[in-house]
N, C-alpha and C. Protein backbone atom coordinates (compact mmCIF):
# COMPACT_ATOMS: atom_id res chain seq x y z
N MET A 1 13.70 42.00 9.23
CA MET A 1 12.39 42.64 9.23
C MET A 1 12.22 43.41 7.93
N ALA A 2 11.31 42.97 7.10
CA ALA A 2 11.16 43.57 5.77
C ALA A 2 10.47 44.91 5.85
N ARG A 3 11.09 45.89 5.25
CA ARG A 3 10.54 47.23 5.30
C ARG A 3 9.22 47.32 4.58
N ASN A 4 9.13 46.74 3.39
CA ASN A 4 7.93 46.91 2.57
C ASN A 4 6.77 46.05 3.04
N LYS A 5 7.09 44.90 3.65
CA LYS A 5 6.03 43.98 4.04
C LYS A 5 5.29 44.45 5.29
N TYR A 6 6.04 44.95 6.28
CA TYR A 6 5.42 45.39 7.53
C TYR A 6 5.94 46.78 7.91
N PRO A 7 5.59 47.82 7.15
CA PRO A 7 6.14 49.15 7.41
C PRO A 7 5.82 49.70 8.79
N GLU A 8 4.59 49.50 9.27
CA GLU A 8 4.23 50.03 10.58
C GLU A 8 4.94 49.30 11.71
N ARG A 9 5.12 47.99 11.51
CA ARG A 9 5.85 47.20 12.51
C ARG A 9 7.31 47.64 12.57
N THR A 10 7.87 47.92 11.40
CA THR A 10 9.26 48.39 11.35
C THR A 10 9.40 49.73 12.05
N ARG A 11 8.49 50.64 11.77
CA ARG A 11 8.53 51.97 12.39
C ARG A 11 8.40 51.86 13.91
N LYS A 12 7.50 51.02 14.36
CA LYS A 12 7.29 50.84 15.79
C LYS A 12 8.54 50.27 16.46
N ALA A 13 9.19 49.32 15.79
CA ALA A 13 10.40 48.72 16.35
C ALA A 13 11.52 49.75 16.45
N ILE A 14 11.64 50.61 15.44
CA ILE A 14 12.65 51.67 15.47
C ILE A 14 12.39 52.62 16.63
N LEU A 15 11.13 53.02 16.80
CA LEU A 15 10.78 53.94 17.88
C LEU A 15 11.06 53.32 19.25
N GLU A 16 10.74 52.05 19.41
CA GLU A 16 10.97 51.38 20.69
C GLU A 16 12.46 51.28 21.01
N SER A 17 13.26 50.92 20.03
CA SER A 17 14.71 50.83 20.25
C SER A 17 15.30 52.19 20.53
N ALA A 18 14.88 53.19 19.77
CA ALA A 18 15.40 54.55 19.96
C ALA A 18 15.03 55.07 21.34
N ALA A 19 13.78 54.87 21.75
CA ALA A 19 13.34 55.35 23.06
C ALA A 19 14.16 54.71 24.18
N LYS A 20 14.41 53.42 24.05
CA LYS A 20 15.21 52.70 25.06
C LYS A 20 16.62 53.26 25.12
N LEU A 21 17.26 53.40 23.97
CA LEU A 21 18.64 53.89 23.93
C LEU A 21 18.73 55.34 24.38
N PHE A 22 17.79 56.18 23.93
CA PHE A 22 17.79 57.59 24.32
C PHE A 22 17.62 57.73 25.83
N THR A 23 16.72 56.93 26.39
CA THR A 23 16.40 57.05 27.81
C THR A 23 17.58 56.71 28.69
N PHE A 24 18.29 55.65 28.37
CA PHE A 24 19.35 55.19 29.25
C PHE A 24 20.74 55.71 28.88
N ARG A 25 20.89 56.30 27.67
CA ARG A 25 22.21 56.81 27.29
C ARG A 25 22.20 58.28 26.92
N GLY A 26 21.01 58.84 26.68
CA GLY A 26 20.94 60.23 26.23
C GLY A 26 21.01 60.27 24.72
N TRP A 27 20.14 61.07 24.09
CA TRP A 27 20.07 61.00 22.63
C TRP A 27 21.32 61.53 21.93
N GLU A 28 22.08 62.40 22.64
CA GLU A 28 23.30 62.91 22.03
C GLU A 28 24.38 61.83 21.94
N ASN A 29 24.22 60.73 22.69
CA ASN A 29 25.22 59.66 22.71
C ASN A 29 24.82 58.44 21.88
N VAL A 30 23.74 58.55 21.13
CA VAL A 30 23.24 57.43 20.34
C VAL A 30 23.28 57.78 18.86
N THR A 31 23.84 56.89 18.04
CA THR A 31 23.89 57.12 16.60
C THR A 31 22.75 56.38 15.90
N ILE A 32 22.46 56.79 14.69
CA ILE A 32 21.45 56.11 13.89
C ILE A 32 21.81 54.64 13.70
N GLN A 33 23.10 54.37 13.45
CA GLN A 33 23.53 52.99 13.24
C GLN A 33 23.28 52.13 14.48
N GLU A 34 23.47 52.71 15.65
CA GLU A 34 23.23 51.95 16.88
C GLU A 34 21.75 51.61 17.04
N VAL A 35 20.89 52.52 16.63
CA VAL A 35 19.45 52.23 16.65
C VAL A 35 19.13 51.10 15.69
N ILE A 36 19.69 51.18 14.48
CA ILE A 36 19.48 50.14 13.47
C ILE A 36 19.96 48.78 13.98
N ASP A 37 21.14 48.77 14.60
CA ASP A 37 21.69 47.52 15.13
C ASP A 37 20.81 46.96 16.25
N ASP A 38 20.28 47.85 17.08
CA ASP A 38 19.44 47.40 18.19
C ASP A 38 18.13 46.79 17.69
N VAL A 39 17.57 47.37 16.63
CA VAL A 39 16.35 46.81 16.04
C VAL A 39 16.65 45.44 15.46
N GLY A 40 17.71 45.35 14.67
CA GLY A 40 18.09 44.10 14.03
C GLY A 40 17.23 43.78 12.82
N GLY A 41 17.87 43.37 11.74
CA GLY A 41 17.13 42.93 10.56
C GLY A 41 16.61 44.03 9.66
N ILE A 42 17.07 45.26 9.86
CA ILE A 42 16.67 46.34 8.95
C ILE A 42 17.91 47.02 8.39
N THR A 43 17.76 47.65 7.25
CA THR A 43 18.86 48.36 6.60
C THR A 43 18.76 49.85 6.89
N ARG A 44 19.82 50.58 6.54
CA ARG A 44 19.77 52.04 6.68
C ARG A 44 18.67 52.61 5.79
N GLY A 45 18.49 51.97 4.63
CA GLY A 45 17.43 52.43 3.73
C GLY A 45 16.06 52.31 4.36
N ALA A 46 15.85 51.21 5.11
CA ALA A 46 14.57 51.03 5.80
C ALA A 46 14.38 52.10 6.86
N PHE A 47 15.47 52.42 7.55
CA PHE A 47 15.38 53.48 8.57
C PHE A 47 14.98 54.80 7.93
N TYR A 48 15.70 55.17 6.85
CA TYR A 48 15.44 56.47 6.22
C TYR A 48 14.11 56.50 5.47
N HIS A 49 13.52 55.35 5.25
CA HIS A 49 12.17 55.32 4.69
C HIS A 49 11.17 55.91 5.68
N HIS A 50 11.46 55.73 6.97
CA HIS A 50 10.54 56.20 8.02
C HIS A 50 10.98 57.52 8.65
N PHE A 51 12.28 57.76 8.71
CA PHE A 51 12.78 58.96 9.38
C PHE A 51 13.87 59.61 8.53
N LYS A 52 13.73 60.90 8.29
CA LYS A 52 14.66 61.61 7.42
C LYS A 52 16.02 61.81 8.06
N SER A 53 16.04 61.89 9.40
CA SER A 53 17.28 62.20 10.10
C SER A 53 17.15 61.79 11.56
N LYS A 54 18.23 61.95 12.30
CA LYS A 54 18.18 61.67 13.73
C LYS A 54 17.23 62.65 14.42
N ALA A 55 17.24 63.90 13.98
CA ALA A 55 16.34 64.90 14.56
C ALA A 55 14.88 64.51 14.35
N ASP A 56 14.58 63.98 13.18
CA ASP A 56 13.23 63.52 12.88
C ASP A 56 12.85 62.36 13.79
N LEU A 57 13.80 61.47 14.05
CA LEU A 57 13.56 60.34 14.95
C LEU A 57 13.31 60.84 16.37
N ILE A 58 14.11 61.79 16.81
CA ILE A 58 13.93 62.36 18.15
C ILE A 58 12.54 62.97 18.30
N ASP A 59 12.11 63.70 17.28
CA ASP A 59 10.76 64.29 17.31
C ASP A 59 9.69 63.21 17.44
N ALA A 60 9.86 62.12 16.70
CA ALA A 60 8.87 61.04 16.72
C ALA A 60 8.84 60.34 18.08
N VAL A 61 10.01 60.11 18.66
CA VAL A 61 10.07 59.47 19.98
C VAL A 61 9.44 60.38 21.03
N THR A 62 9.73 61.67 20.93
CA THR A 62 9.15 62.63 21.86
C THR A 62 7.63 62.66 21.74
N GLU A 63 7.14 62.67 20.50
CA GLU A 63 5.69 62.66 20.27
C GLU A 63 5.05 61.42 20.87
N GLU A 64 5.72 60.29 20.73
CA GLU A 64 5.21 59.04 21.30
C GLU A 64 5.15 59.13 22.81
N TYR A 65 6.17 59.74 23.39
CA TYR A 65 6.22 59.91 24.85
C TYR A 65 5.04 60.73 25.34
N PHE A 66 4.76 61.83 24.64
CA PHE A 66 3.70 62.72 25.09
C PHE A 66 2.31 62.17 24.81
N SER A 67 2.20 61.23 23.92
CA SER A 67 0.88 60.66 23.64
C SER A 67 0.48 59.61 24.66
N GLU A 68 1.45 59.17 25.49
CA GLU A 68 1.17 58.08 26.42
C GLU A 68 0.19 58.48 27.51
N ASN A 69 0.33 59.71 28.04
CA ASN A 69 -0.58 60.11 29.12
C ASN A 69 -2.02 60.08 28.66
N LYS A 70 -2.26 60.57 27.45
CA LYS A 70 -3.62 60.57 26.93
C LYS A 70 -4.11 59.14 26.72
N SER A 71 -3.26 58.29 26.17
CA SER A 71 -3.69 56.92 25.90
C SER A 71 -3.96 56.16 27.19
N VAL A 72 -3.19 56.44 28.24
CA VAL A 72 -3.41 55.79 29.53
C VAL A 72 -4.78 56.17 30.07
N LEU A 73 -5.13 57.46 30.01
CA LEU A 73 -6.44 57.89 30.49
C LEU A 73 -7.56 57.28 29.66
N ASN A 74 -7.32 57.14 28.38
CA ASN A 74 -8.34 56.54 27.51
C ASN A 74 -8.56 55.06 27.81
N GLN A 75 -7.53 54.41 28.36
CA GLN A 75 -7.64 52.98 28.68
C GLN A 75 -8.55 52.73 29.88
N ILE A 76 -8.70 53.75 30.75
CA ILE A 76 -9.51 53.59 31.95
C ILE A 76 -10.95 53.89 31.58
N THR A 77 -11.66 52.89 31.09
CA THR A 77 -12.99 53.11 30.51
C THR A 77 -14.10 52.40 31.27
N ASP A 78 -13.81 51.83 32.43
CA ASP A 78 -14.83 51.11 33.19
C ASP A 78 -15.83 52.09 33.77
N THR A 79 -16.97 52.23 33.13
CA THR A 79 -17.97 53.22 33.55
C THR A 79 -18.66 52.83 34.85
N LYS A 80 -18.45 51.60 35.33
CA LYS A 80 -19.01 51.20 36.61
C LYS A 80 -18.22 51.80 37.77
N THR A 81 -17.01 52.26 37.46
CA THR A 81 -16.15 52.88 38.46
C THR A 81 -16.34 54.39 38.43
N LYS A 82 -16.36 55.02 39.59
CA LYS A 82 -16.51 56.47 39.67
C LYS A 82 -15.38 57.16 38.89
N ALA A 83 -15.72 58.30 38.31
CA ALA A 83 -14.77 59.00 37.42
C ALA A 83 -13.48 59.37 38.13
N VAL A 84 -13.57 59.85 39.37
CA VAL A 84 -12.35 60.23 40.10
C VAL A 84 -11.48 59.01 40.37
N ASP A 85 -12.10 57.87 40.62
CA ASP A 85 -11.33 56.64 40.81
C ASP A 85 -10.61 56.25 39.52
N ARG A 86 -11.27 56.45 38.38
CA ARG A 86 -10.64 56.15 37.09
C ARG A 86 -9.47 57.10 36.82
N LEU A 87 -9.66 58.37 37.17
CA LEU A 87 -8.57 59.34 37.00
C LEU A 87 -7.40 58.97 37.89
N ARG A 88 -7.70 58.57 39.10
CA ARG A 88 -6.65 58.14 40.03
C ARG A 88 -5.90 56.92 39.47
N GLN A 89 -6.64 55.97 38.95
CA GLN A 89 -6.03 54.78 38.35
C GLN A 89 -5.13 55.16 37.17
N GLY A 90 -5.58 56.12 36.37
CA GLY A 90 -4.80 56.56 35.22
C GLY A 90 -3.48 57.18 35.62
N ILE A 91 -3.51 58.01 36.67
CA ILE A 91 -2.28 58.65 37.15
C ILE A 91 -1.31 57.60 37.69
N ILE A 92 -1.82 56.67 38.47
CA ILE A 92 -0.97 55.61 39.02
C ILE A 92 -0.37 54.76 37.91
N LEU A 93 -1.18 54.40 36.93
CA LEU A 93 -0.69 53.58 35.81
C LEU A 93 0.38 54.31 35.02
N SER A 94 0.18 55.60 34.78
CA SER A 94 1.16 56.40 34.05
C SER A 94 2.48 56.47 34.80
N LEU A 95 2.41 56.69 36.11
CA LEU A 95 3.62 56.75 36.92
C LEU A 95 4.34 55.41 36.96
N LYS A 96 3.57 54.32 37.05
CA LYS A 96 4.18 52.99 37.08
C LYS A 96 4.88 52.68 35.78
N LYS A 97 4.27 53.07 34.66
CA LYS A 97 4.90 52.83 33.36
C LYS A 97 6.23 53.55 33.26
N GLN A 98 6.25 54.81 33.72
CA GLN A 98 7.50 55.57 33.66
C GLN A 98 8.53 55.01 34.62
N THR A 99 8.07 54.54 35.78
CA THR A 99 8.99 53.96 36.77
C THR A 99 9.61 52.67 36.26
N GLU A 100 8.81 51.84 35.60
CA GLU A 100 9.27 50.53 35.15
C GLU A 100 10.22 50.60 33.96
N LYS A 101 9.94 51.49 33.02
CA LYS A 101 10.75 51.48 31.80
C LYS A 101 11.68 52.69 31.66
N GLY A 102 11.69 53.56 32.68
CA GLY A 102 12.48 54.76 32.56
C GLY A 102 11.70 55.82 31.82
N ALA A 103 12.09 57.06 31.97
CA ALA A 103 11.35 58.15 31.33
C ALA A 103 12.27 59.04 30.54
N MET A 104 11.72 59.64 29.49
CA MET A 104 12.52 60.57 28.69
C MET A 104 13.07 61.70 29.55
N THR A 105 12.32 62.09 30.59
CA THR A 105 12.77 63.20 31.43
C THR A 105 13.91 62.80 32.35
N ASN A 106 14.38 61.55 32.29
CA ASN A 106 15.58 61.15 33.02
C ASN A 106 16.85 61.59 32.29
N ILE A 107 16.72 62.05 31.07
CA ILE A 107 17.88 62.40 30.25
C ILE A 107 18.24 63.86 30.47
N PRO A 108 19.44 64.16 30.99
CA PRO A 108 19.81 65.55 31.23
C PRO A 108 19.64 66.45 30.02
N SER A 109 20.02 65.96 28.84
CA SER A 109 19.91 66.79 27.64
C SER A 109 18.47 67.09 27.29
N VAL A 110 17.55 66.20 27.70
CA VAL A 110 16.13 66.45 27.47
C VAL A 110 15.64 67.53 28.42
N VAL A 111 15.96 67.36 29.70
CA VAL A 111 15.48 68.30 30.71
C VAL A 111 16.00 69.71 30.44
N ASN A 112 17.20 69.81 29.90
CA ASN A 112 17.78 71.12 29.62
C ASN A 112 17.33 71.70 28.29
N SER A 113 16.47 71.00 27.59
CA SER A 113 16.02 71.47 26.28
C SER A 113 14.78 72.35 26.42
N PRO A 114 14.86 73.62 26.01
CA PRO A 114 13.67 74.49 26.06
C PRO A 114 12.53 73.94 25.22
N GLU A 115 12.87 73.28 24.11
CA GLU A 115 11.84 72.72 23.25
C GLU A 115 11.05 71.64 23.99
N PHE A 116 11.77 70.82 24.76
CA PHE A 116 11.09 69.74 25.47
C PHE A 116 10.22 70.29 26.60
N ILE A 117 10.71 71.29 27.30
CA ILE A 117 9.92 71.93 28.36
C ILE A 117 8.66 72.53 27.76
N PHE A 118 8.81 73.18 26.60
CA PHE A 118 7.63 73.73 25.92
C PHE A 118 6.63 72.64 25.59
N ARG A 119 7.14 71.48 25.14
CA ARG A 119 6.25 70.37 24.81
C ARG A 119 5.51 69.87 26.05
N ILE A 120 6.19 69.85 27.19
CA ILE A 120 5.54 69.43 28.43
C ILE A 120 4.39 70.37 28.76
N VAL A 121 4.67 71.69 28.68
CA VAL A 121 3.64 72.68 28.99
C VAL A 121 2.48 72.56 28.01
N HIS A 122 2.81 72.47 26.72
CA HIS A 122 1.77 72.38 25.69
C HIS A 122 0.93 71.13 25.88
N ASP A 123 1.59 70.00 26.10
CA ASP A 123 0.86 68.75 26.28
C ASP A 123 0.00 68.78 27.53
N SER A 124 0.53 69.35 28.60
CA SER A 124 -0.21 69.41 29.85
C SER A 124 -1.53 70.15 29.68
N ILE A 125 -1.50 71.24 28.91
CA ILE A 125 -2.69 72.09 28.76
C ILE A 125 -3.58 71.64 27.62
N GLU A 126 -2.97 71.35 26.47
CA GLU A 126 -3.76 71.10 25.26
C GLU A 126 -4.20 69.64 25.09
N VAL A 127 -3.47 68.72 25.70
CA VAL A 127 -3.78 67.30 25.47
C VAL A 127 -4.29 66.63 26.75
N THR A 128 -3.39 66.48 27.72
CA THR A 128 -3.75 65.71 28.91
C THR A 128 -4.84 66.39 29.72
N ALA A 129 -4.75 67.71 29.90
CA ALA A 129 -5.77 68.41 30.69
C ALA A 129 -7.16 68.28 30.08
N THR A 130 -7.22 68.14 28.76
CA THR A 130 -8.51 67.95 28.09
C THR A 130 -9.15 66.64 28.52
N GLU A 131 -8.34 65.58 28.59
CA GLU A 131 -8.84 64.29 29.04
C GLU A 131 -9.21 64.32 30.52
N VAL A 132 -8.42 65.04 31.31
CA VAL A 132 -8.72 65.17 32.73
C VAL A 132 -10.04 65.91 32.92
N SER A 133 -10.25 66.96 32.13
CA SER A 133 -11.51 67.73 32.21
C SER A 133 -12.71 66.83 31.94
N ARG A 134 -12.57 65.96 30.96
CA ARG A 134 -13.67 65.04 30.63
C ARG A 134 -14.02 64.16 31.82
N LEU A 135 -13.00 63.64 32.50
CA LEU A 135 -13.25 62.78 33.65
C LEU A 135 -13.82 63.57 34.82
N ILE A 136 -13.35 64.81 34.99
CA ILE A 136 -13.89 65.63 36.08
C ILE A 136 -15.36 65.95 35.83
N GLU A 137 -15.70 66.23 34.59
CA GLU A 137 -17.11 66.47 34.25
C GLU A 137 -17.96 65.25 34.61
N GLU A 138 -17.45 64.07 34.30
CA GLU A 138 -18.16 62.84 34.67
C GLU A 138 -18.24 62.70 36.18
N GLY A 139 -17.15 63.11 36.86
CA GLY A 139 -17.13 63.04 38.32
C GLY A 139 -18.15 63.96 38.96
N ASN A 140 -18.33 65.14 38.38
CA ASN A 140 -19.36 66.05 38.88
C ASN A 140 -20.74 65.42 38.75
N LYS A 141 -20.93 64.66 37.68
CA LYS A 141 -22.24 64.03 37.45
C LYS A 141 -22.47 62.82 38.36
N ASP A 142 -21.39 62.03 38.59
CA ASP A 142 -21.59 60.83 39.42
C ASP A 142 -21.36 61.08 40.91
N GLY A 143 -21.01 62.33 41.25
CA GLY A 143 -20.88 62.70 42.65
C GLY A 143 -19.53 62.42 43.28
N SER A 144 -18.55 61.98 42.49
CA SER A 144 -17.24 61.68 43.06
C SER A 144 -16.38 62.93 43.23
N CYS A 145 -16.80 64.05 42.65
CA CYS A 145 -16.12 65.33 42.86
C CYS A 145 -17.12 66.46 42.66
N GLN A 146 -16.72 67.65 43.09
CA GLN A 146 -17.56 68.84 42.93
C GLN A 146 -16.66 70.00 42.52
N VAL A 147 -16.26 70.00 41.28
CA VAL A 147 -15.32 71.00 40.76
C VAL A 147 -16.09 72.04 39.97
N GLU A 148 -15.92 73.30 40.34
CA GLU A 148 -16.61 74.38 39.65
C GLU A 148 -15.85 74.82 38.40
N ASN A 149 -14.57 75.08 38.55
CA ASN A 149 -13.75 75.56 37.44
C ASN A 149 -12.98 74.39 36.83
N ILE A 150 -13.67 73.59 36.05
CA ILE A 150 -13.11 72.32 35.56
C ILE A 150 -11.86 72.53 34.71
N LYS A 151 -11.92 73.39 33.72
CA LYS A 151 -10.79 73.61 32.81
C LYS A 151 -9.57 74.10 33.57
N GLU A 152 -9.80 75.09 34.43
CA GLU A 152 -8.68 75.68 35.17
C GLU A 152 -8.04 74.68 36.14
N VAL A 153 -8.87 73.91 36.82
CA VAL A 153 -8.35 72.91 37.76
C VAL A 153 -7.57 71.83 37.02
N SER A 154 -8.08 71.40 35.87
CA SER A 154 -7.39 70.37 35.08
C SER A 154 -6.02 70.86 34.63
N GLU A 155 -5.96 72.08 34.11
CA GLU A 155 -4.69 72.63 33.63
C GLU A 155 -3.72 72.83 34.79
N MET A 156 -4.22 73.38 35.90
CA MET A 156 -3.37 73.59 37.07
C MET A 156 -2.78 72.26 37.55
N MET A 157 -3.62 71.24 37.64
CA MET A 157 -3.17 69.94 38.13
C MET A 157 -2.06 69.37 37.26
N MET A 158 -2.24 69.41 35.94
CA MET A 158 -1.24 68.82 35.06
C MET A 158 0.06 69.60 35.05
N LEU A 159 -0.01 70.93 35.15
CA LEU A 159 1.22 71.73 35.21
C LEU A 159 1.96 71.47 36.53
N LEU A 160 1.22 71.33 37.61
CA LEU A 160 1.86 71.03 38.89
C LEU A 160 2.50 69.65 38.88
N PHE A 161 1.81 68.67 38.31
CA PHE A 161 2.37 67.32 38.23
C PHE A 161 3.57 67.26 37.29
N ASN A 162 3.44 67.84 36.11
CA ASN A 162 4.44 67.66 35.05
C ASN A 162 5.62 68.62 35.11
N ILE A 163 5.44 69.77 35.75
CA ILE A 163 6.53 70.75 35.84
C ILE A 163 6.98 70.95 37.28
N TRP A 164 6.09 71.50 38.10
CA TRP A 164 6.45 71.91 39.46
C TRP A 164 6.91 70.74 40.32
N SER A 165 6.29 69.58 40.17
CA SER A 165 6.67 68.43 40.99
C SER A 165 7.46 67.39 40.21
N ASN A 166 8.00 67.77 39.05
CA ASN A 166 8.83 66.85 38.28
C ASN A 166 10.25 66.88 38.84
N PRO A 167 10.70 65.80 39.48
CA PRO A 167 12.00 65.81 40.15
C PRO A 167 13.19 65.92 39.21
N ASN A 168 12.96 65.73 37.91
CA ASN A 168 14.05 65.89 36.95
C ASN A 168 14.20 67.34 36.51
N ILE A 169 13.14 68.11 36.64
CA ILE A 169 13.18 69.52 36.24
C ILE A 169 13.52 70.40 37.43
N ILE A 170 12.88 70.14 38.57
CA ILE A 170 13.14 70.88 39.80
C ILE A 170 13.63 69.88 40.84
N HIS A 171 14.91 69.94 41.15
CA HIS A 171 15.53 68.96 42.04
C HIS A 171 15.25 69.30 43.50
N VAL A 172 14.68 68.35 44.21
CA VAL A 172 14.37 68.52 45.63
C VAL A 172 14.68 67.23 46.37
N SER A 173 14.71 67.32 47.69
CA SER A 173 14.92 66.13 48.51
C SER A 173 13.66 65.27 48.51
N GLN A 174 13.81 64.04 48.97
CA GLN A 174 12.66 63.14 49.04
C GLN A 174 11.56 63.72 49.93
N THR A 175 11.96 64.31 51.05
CA THR A 175 10.98 64.90 51.97
C THR A 175 10.25 66.06 51.32
N ASP A 176 10.99 66.92 50.64
CA ASP A 176 10.36 68.07 49.98
C ASP A 176 9.47 67.63 48.83
N TYR A 177 9.87 66.57 48.15
CA TYR A 177 9.05 66.06 47.04
C TYR A 177 7.71 65.56 47.56
N GLN A 178 7.74 64.80 48.64
CA GLN A 178 6.48 64.31 49.21
C GLN A 178 5.63 65.48 49.71
N SER A 179 6.27 66.50 50.25
CA SER A 179 5.52 67.68 50.70
C SER A 179 4.83 68.36 49.53
N LYS A 180 5.49 68.38 48.37
CA LYS A 180 4.87 68.97 47.18
C LYS A 180 3.61 68.20 46.78
N ILE A 181 3.70 66.88 46.78
CA ILE A 181 2.55 66.07 46.39
C ILE A 181 1.40 66.27 47.37
N ARG A 182 1.71 66.35 48.65
CA ARG A 182 0.65 66.56 49.65
C ARG A 182 0.06 67.97 49.53
N PHE A 183 0.88 68.93 49.13
CA PHE A 183 0.37 70.29 48.92
C PHE A 183 -0.58 70.32 47.72
N ILE A 184 -0.21 69.61 46.66
CA ILE A 184 -1.10 69.51 45.50
C ILE A 184 -2.42 68.87 45.92
N ASP A 185 -2.33 67.87 46.78
CA ASP A 185 -3.54 67.22 47.30
C ASP A 185 -4.45 68.24 47.97
N GLN A 186 -3.87 69.11 48.79
CA GLN A 186 -4.66 70.13 49.48
C GLN A 186 -5.32 71.09 48.48
N LEU A 187 -4.56 71.50 47.48
CA LEU A 187 -5.11 72.41 46.47
C LEU A 187 -6.28 71.77 45.73
N LEU A 188 -6.11 70.51 45.34
CA LEU A 188 -7.16 69.82 44.60
C LEU A 188 -8.41 69.61 45.45
N LYS A 189 -8.21 69.24 46.70
CA LYS A 189 -9.36 69.06 47.59
C LYS A 189 -10.11 70.38 47.80
N THR A 190 -9.35 71.46 47.93
CA THR A 190 -9.97 72.78 48.06
C THR A 190 -10.78 73.13 46.82
N SER A 191 -10.33 72.62 45.68
CA SER A 191 -11.03 72.86 44.41
C SER A 191 -12.17 71.89 44.17
N GLY A 192 -12.37 70.96 45.10
CA GLY A 192 -13.47 70.01 44.97
C GLY A 192 -13.10 68.69 44.35
N LEU A 193 -11.77 68.41 44.26
CA LEU A 193 -11.31 67.18 43.62
C LEU A 193 -10.50 66.33 44.60
N PRO A 194 -11.14 65.38 45.28
CA PRO A 194 -10.43 64.50 46.22
C PRO A 194 -9.72 63.37 45.48
N LEU A 195 -8.62 63.69 44.86
CA LEU A 195 -7.96 62.75 43.94
C LEU A 195 -6.83 61.96 44.58
N ILE A 196 -5.97 62.63 45.32
CA ILE A 196 -4.74 62.01 45.80
C ILE A 196 -4.97 61.27 47.11
N ASP A 197 -4.68 59.97 47.09
CA ASP A 197 -4.70 59.18 48.31
C ASP A 197 -3.32 58.56 48.49
N GLU A 198 -3.19 57.66 49.46
CA GLU A 198 -1.87 57.09 49.74
C GLU A 198 -1.33 56.27 48.58
N SER A 199 -2.22 55.65 47.80
CA SER A 199 -1.75 54.87 46.65
C SER A 199 -1.12 55.77 45.59
N VAL A 200 -1.68 56.96 45.42
CA VAL A 200 -1.11 57.93 44.47
C VAL A 200 0.23 58.44 44.99
N ILE A 201 0.28 58.76 46.27
CA ILE A 201 1.53 59.24 46.86
C ILE A 201 2.61 58.17 46.74
N ASP A 202 2.26 56.91 47.00
CA ASP A 202 3.23 55.82 46.87
C ASP A 202 3.76 55.72 45.43
N ALA A 203 2.88 55.91 44.45
CA ALA A 203 3.30 55.85 43.04
C ALA A 203 4.24 57.00 42.70
N PHE A 204 3.94 58.19 43.22
CA PHE A 204 4.83 59.33 42.99
C PHE A 204 6.19 59.10 43.65
N MET A 205 6.20 58.55 44.86
CA MET A 205 7.46 58.33 45.55
C MET A 205 8.30 57.26 44.87
N ALA A 206 7.64 56.23 44.33
CA ALA A 206 8.38 55.20 43.58
C ALA A 206 9.00 55.81 42.33
N TYR A 207 8.27 56.70 41.68
CA TYR A 207 8.80 57.39 40.50
C TYR A 207 9.99 58.26 40.90
N TYR A 208 9.87 58.96 42.02
CA TYR A 208 10.97 59.81 42.50
C TYR A 208 12.23 58.96 42.72
N GLU A 209 12.06 57.83 43.39
CA GLU A 209 13.21 56.96 43.66
C GLU A 209 13.87 56.49 42.37
N GLU A 210 13.06 56.20 41.36
CA GLU A 210 13.60 55.74 40.08
C GLU A 210 14.44 56.82 39.42
N THR A 211 14.01 58.07 39.53
CA THR A 211 14.74 59.16 38.88
C THR A 211 16.09 59.42 39.54
N LYS A 212 16.26 58.94 40.77
CA LYS A 212 17.50 59.19 41.50
C LYS A 212 18.52 58.07 41.35
N LYS A 213 18.16 57.02 40.61
CA LYS A 213 19.09 55.90 40.41
C LYS A 213 20.17 56.26 39.41
């Protein structure tokens, strides 16, 4: 893979290989050379053209991870579908993606990192909640929800999903995990957002099972 001919393709391949290796082995157990070998067809020089160090690579992989929630919500653009249904689809799709390919939060060294927890909080409020707010505003207009405090409900929802009910951060039994999701459902309904149905609960439970493997 020529560095100069397809620089963006090379960078993407490095990120994909690194994310895979980090997720299943932990980033402290992966060397730069192993990432290069996994990509195949690139030199160390090509790697360092895109990333100054392993720490720089970790930052880039983390950034990619946190951008996925926003991109998933942006993909749900069918305006013929009610906004709350689109938000529900986005949550299910995001959970399925993490279940199928593994998640960065499956890595003990990630979960124990204060920097990563800060990124989760920051992303929940500054990035993902902003997209959720947009959909809730549309939902208020199309009648699929009746939320008064849109910003606050969006931020609360994402923090509850990403921190309080994250089974890698707060370890609970399967029964307690499902109880948490149903409790969030009650809070959201009380706030005017009928978001969580059995399909959402099933997606959360599948994600929970994956984290316990």
